[in-house]
C-alpha atoms as a PDB file:
ATOM      1  CA  MET A   1     -29.594   3.284  -9.745  1.00  0.00           C
ATOM      2  CA  ALA A   2     -25.782   3.741 -10.708  1.00  0.00           C
ATOM      3  CA  SER A   3     -24.122   4.424  -8.040  1.00  0.00           C
ATOM      4  CA  SER A   4     -22.071   7.599  -8.262  1.00  0.00           C
ATOM      5  CA  LYS A   5     -18.235   8.341  -8.122  1.00  0.00           C
ATOM      6  CA  LYS A   6     -18.088   9.288  -4.405  1.00  0.00           C
ATOM      7  CA  GLU A   7     -19.478   5.772  -3.406  1.00  0.00           C
ATOM      8  CA  ILE A   8     -17.438   3.372  -5.353  1.00  0.00           C
ATOM      9  CA  PHE A   9     -14.052   5.871  -4.458  1.00  0.00           C
ATOM     10  CA  GLY A  10     -12.757   7.546  -2.102  1.00  0.00           C
ATOM     11  CA  GLU A  11     -12.369  11.261  -2.703  1.00  0.00           C
ATOM     12  CA  GLU A  12      -8.384  11.170  -2.320  1.00  0.00           C
ATOM     13  CA  ASP A  13      -8.187   8.748  -5.145  1.00  0.00           C
ATOM     14  CA  ILE A  14     -11.359  10.758  -7.147  1.00  0.00           C
ATOM     15  CA  GLN A  15      -8.825  13.739  -6.545  1.00  0.00           C
ATOM     16  CA  ILE A  16      -5.944  12.101  -7.693  1.00  0.00           C
ATOM     17  CA  ALA A  17      -7.494  11.075 -11.291  1.00  0.00           C
ATOM     18  CA  LYS A  18      -8.980  14.587 -12.052  1.00  0.00           C
ATOM     19  CA  ILE A  19      -5.564  16.126 -11.944  1.00  0.00           C
ATOM     20  CA  ALA A  20      -4.234  13.083 -13.307  1.00  0.00           C
ATOM     21  CA  LYS A  21      -6.312  13.828 -16.426  1.00  0.00           C
ATOM     22  CA  ALA A  22      -5.524  17.562 -16.104  1.00  0.00           C
ATOM     23  CA  LEU A  23      -1.461  16.695 -16.658  1.00  0.00           C
ATOM     24  CA  SER A  24      -2.091  13.906 -19.071  1.00  0.00           C
ATOM     25  CA  HIS A  25      -1.181  16.119 -22.325  1.00  0.00           C
ATOM     26  CA  PRO A  26       2.017  17.580 -23.019  1.00  0.00           C
ATOM     27  CA  ALA A  27       0.872  21.098 -23.974  1.00  0.00           C
ATOM     28  CA  ARG A  28      -0.876  21.092 -20.407  1.00  0.00           C
ATOM     29  CA  ILE A  29       2.905  20.372 -18.844  1.00  0.00           C
ATOM     30  CA  ALA A  30       4.162  22.890 -21.378  1.00  0.00           C
ATOM     31  CA  ILE A  31       1.671  25.425 -20.284  1.00  0.00           C
ATOM     32  CA  LEU A  32       2.556  24.783 -15.991  1.00  0.00           C
ATOM     33  CA  ARG A  33       6.143  24.961 -16.758  1.00  0.00           C
ATOM     34  CA  HIS A  34       5.725  28.428 -18.424  1.00  0.00           C
ATOM     35  CA  LEU A  35       3.541  30.055 -15.684  1.00  0.00           C
ATOM     36  CA  ALA A  36       5.051  28.361 -12.770  1.00  0.00           C
ATOM     37  CA  GLY A  37       8.288  30.831 -13.675  1.00  0.00           C
ATOM     38  CA  MET A  38       5.783  33.659 -13.112  1.00  0.00           C
ATOM     39  CA  ASP A  39       3.419  35.730 -11.249  1.00  0.00           C
ATOM     40  CA  CYS A  40       0.464  35.876 -14.161  1.00  0.00           C
ATOM     41  CA  CYS A  41       0.783  35.397 -17.634  1.00  0.00           C
ATOM     42  CA  CYS A  42      -1.666  37.070 -20.296  1.00  0.00           C
ATOM     43  CA  PHE A  43      -3.118  34.058 -22.745  1.00  0.00           C
ATOM     44  CA  ASN A  44      -1.355  36.001 -26.026  1.00  0.00           C
ATOM     45  CA  LYS A  45       2.105  35.122 -23.954  1.00  0.00           C
ATOM     46  CA  ILE A  46       0.892  31.767 -23.299  1.00  0.00           C
ATOM     47  CA  SER A  47      -0.677  30.908 -27.041  1.00  0.00           C
ATOM     48  CA  ASP A  48       3.603  32.369 -28.287  1.00  0.00           C
ATOM     49  CA  GLU A  49       5.078  29.857 -26.095  1.00  0.00           C
ATOM     50  CA  ILE A  50       3.124  27.148 -27.570  1.00  0.00           C
ATOM     51  CA  PRO A  51       3.174  25.694 -30.987  1.00  0.00           C
ATOM     52  CA  LEU A  52      -0.595  24.563 -30.897  1.00  0.00           C
ATOM     53  CA  ALA A  53      -4.026  27.054 -32.178  1.00  0.00           C
ATOM     54  CA  ASP A  54      -5.246  29.350 -30.135  1.00  0.00           C
ATOM     55  CA  SER A  55      -8.241  27.837 -29.881  1.00  0.00           C
ATOM     56  CA  THR A  56      -6.314  25.027 -28.536  1.00  0.00           C
ATOM     57  CA  VAL A  57      -4.371  26.441 -26.132  1.00  0.00           C
ATOM     58  CA  SER A  58      -7.490  27.873 -24.786  1.00  0.00           C
ATOM     59  CA  GLN A  59      -8.832  24.522 -24.324  1.00  0.00           C
ATOM     60  CA  HIS A  60      -6.023  23.107 -22.569  1.00  0.00           C
ATOM     61  CA  LEU A  61      -6.496  26.036 -20.637  1.00  0.00           C
ATOM     62  CA  ALA A  62      -9.808  24.865 -19.758  1.00  0.00           C
ATOM     63  CA  GLU A  63      -8.993  21.635 -18.594  1.00  0.00           C
ATOM     64  CA  LEU A  64      -6.409  22.834 -16.645  1.00  0.00           C
ATOM     65  CA  LYS A  65      -8.573  25.287 -15.004  1.00  0.00           C
ATOM     66  CA  LYS A  66     -11.178  22.859 -14.489  1.00  0.00           C
ATOM     67  CA  ALA A  67      -8.931  20.674 -12.417  1.00  0.00           C
ATOM     68  CA  GLY A  68      -7.741  23.327 -10.553  1.00  0.00           C
ATOM     69  CA  LEU A  69      -4.702  23.908 -11.257  1.00  0.00           C
ATOM     70  CA  VAL A  70      -4.338  27.264 -13.145  1.00  0.00           C
ATOM     71  CA  GLN A  71      -6.325  30.651 -12.138  1.00  0.00           C
ATOM     72  CA  GLY A  72      -7.986  33.018 -14.568  1.00  0.00           C
ATOM     73  CA  SER A  73      -9.131  36.447 -14.265  1.00  0.00           C
ATOM     74  CA  ILE A  74     -10.728  38.265 -17.383  1.00  0.00           C
ATOM     75  CA  GLU A  75     -10.357  41.908 -17.309  1.00  0.00           C
ATOM     76  CA  PRO A  76     -10.814  43.285 -20.908  1.00  0.00           C
ATOM     77  CA  PRO A  77      -9.468  42.764 -23.433  1.00  0.00           C
ATOM     78  CA  ARG A  78      -6.965  41.121 -21.230  1.00  0.00           C
ATOM     79  CA  ILE A  79      -7.343  37.300 -20.334  1.00  0.00           C
ATOM     80  CA  GLN A  80      -4.546  36.689 -17.531  1.00  0.00           C
ATOM     81  CA  TYR A  81      -4.120  33.426 -16.050  1.00  0.00           C
ATOM     82  CA  CYS A  82      -1.267  31.547 -13.230  1.00  0.00           C
ATOM     83  CA  MET A  83      -0.726  28.965 -11.029  1.00  0.00           C
ATOM     84  CA  ASN A  84      -3.331  27.976  -8.066  1.00  0.00           C
ATOM     85  CA  ILE A  85      -0.430  28.272  -5.618  1.00  0.00           C
ATOM     86  CA  SER A  86      -2.420  25.871  -2.922  1.00  0.00           C
ATOM     87  CA  LYS A  87      -4.402  23.293  -5.792  1.00  0.00           C
ATOM     88  CA  TRP A  88      -0.780  23.010  -6.829  1.00  0.00           C
ATOM     89  CA  GLU A  89       0.518  22.317  -3.583  1.00  0.00           C
ATOM     90  CA  GLU A  90      -2.493  19.806  -2.548  1.00  0.00           C
ATOM     91  CA  ALA A  91      -1.981  17.991  -5.940  1.00  0.00           C
ATOM     92  CA  ARG A  92       2.013  17.682  -4.550  1.00  0.00           C
ATOM     93  CA  SER A  93       0.608  16.607  -1.435  1.00  0.00           C
ATOM     94  CA  LEU A  94      -1.569  14.100  -2.730  1.00  0.00           C
ATOM     95  CA  PHE A  95       0.831  12.726  -5.497  1.00  0.00           C
ATOM     96  CA  ASP A  96       3.599  12.131  -2.748  1.00  0.00           C
ATOM     97  CA  GLY A  97       1.159  10.503  -0.923  1.00  0.00           C
ATOM     98  CA  PHE A  98       0.256   7.808  -3.912  1.00  0.00           C
ATOM     99  CA  PHE A  99       4.136   7.738  -4.725  1.00  0.00           C
ATOM    100  CA  SER A 100       4.804   6.479  -1.740  1.00  0.00           C
ATOM    101  CA  MET A 101       3.061   3.364  -1.393  1.00  0.00           C
ATOM    102  CA  GLU A 102       4.218   0.350  -0.619  1.00  0.00           C
ATOM    103  CA  VAL A 103       4.098  -2.075  -3.216  1.00  0.00           C
ATOM    104  CA  LYS A 104       4.833  -5.725  -2.717  1.00  0.00           C
ATOM    105  CA  LYS A 105       8.357  -7.201  -5.077  1.00  0.00           C
ATOM    106  CA  TYR A 106       7.514  -9.991  -6.828  1.00  0.00           C
ATOM    107  CA  LYS A 107      10.223 -12.659  -7.958  1.00  0.00           C
ATOM    108  CA  LYS A 108      10.619 -12.521 -11.929  1.00  0.00           C
ATOM    109  CA  GLU A 109       9.604 -15.663 -12.566  1.00  0.00           C
ATOM    110  CA  THR A 110       6.063 -15.224 -10.846  1.00  0.00           C
ATOM    111  CA  ILE A 111       5.051 -13.046 -13.373  1.00  0.00           C
ATOM    112  CA  ARG A 112       4.294 -14.576 -16.936  1.00  0.00           C
ATOM    113  CA  GLY A 113       3.657 -12.697 -19.928  1.00  0.00           C
END
């Protein structure tokens, strides 16, 4: 029987990977930059800003929502999105900790290839 991810990796590492996956496309970065400057935004405005098909923008928003970085509300006929501030702050803290870890420095001649 295979082990679950939680048994192999720590919760913090799982969260970092989940957020990193959501950030792994430039369209998603553009969407987050756009949303960061406003309280809420209609899907149409986001779609106007991102030079992709509406269905593609919708898929990118779904990935960001799955990671918890954005929130959406459906109030027909509008779908509005905004940043999930608490999740964004959590992500910032996780990445700050990850990128501030000490890394052993090797002499150049030690590494081959």
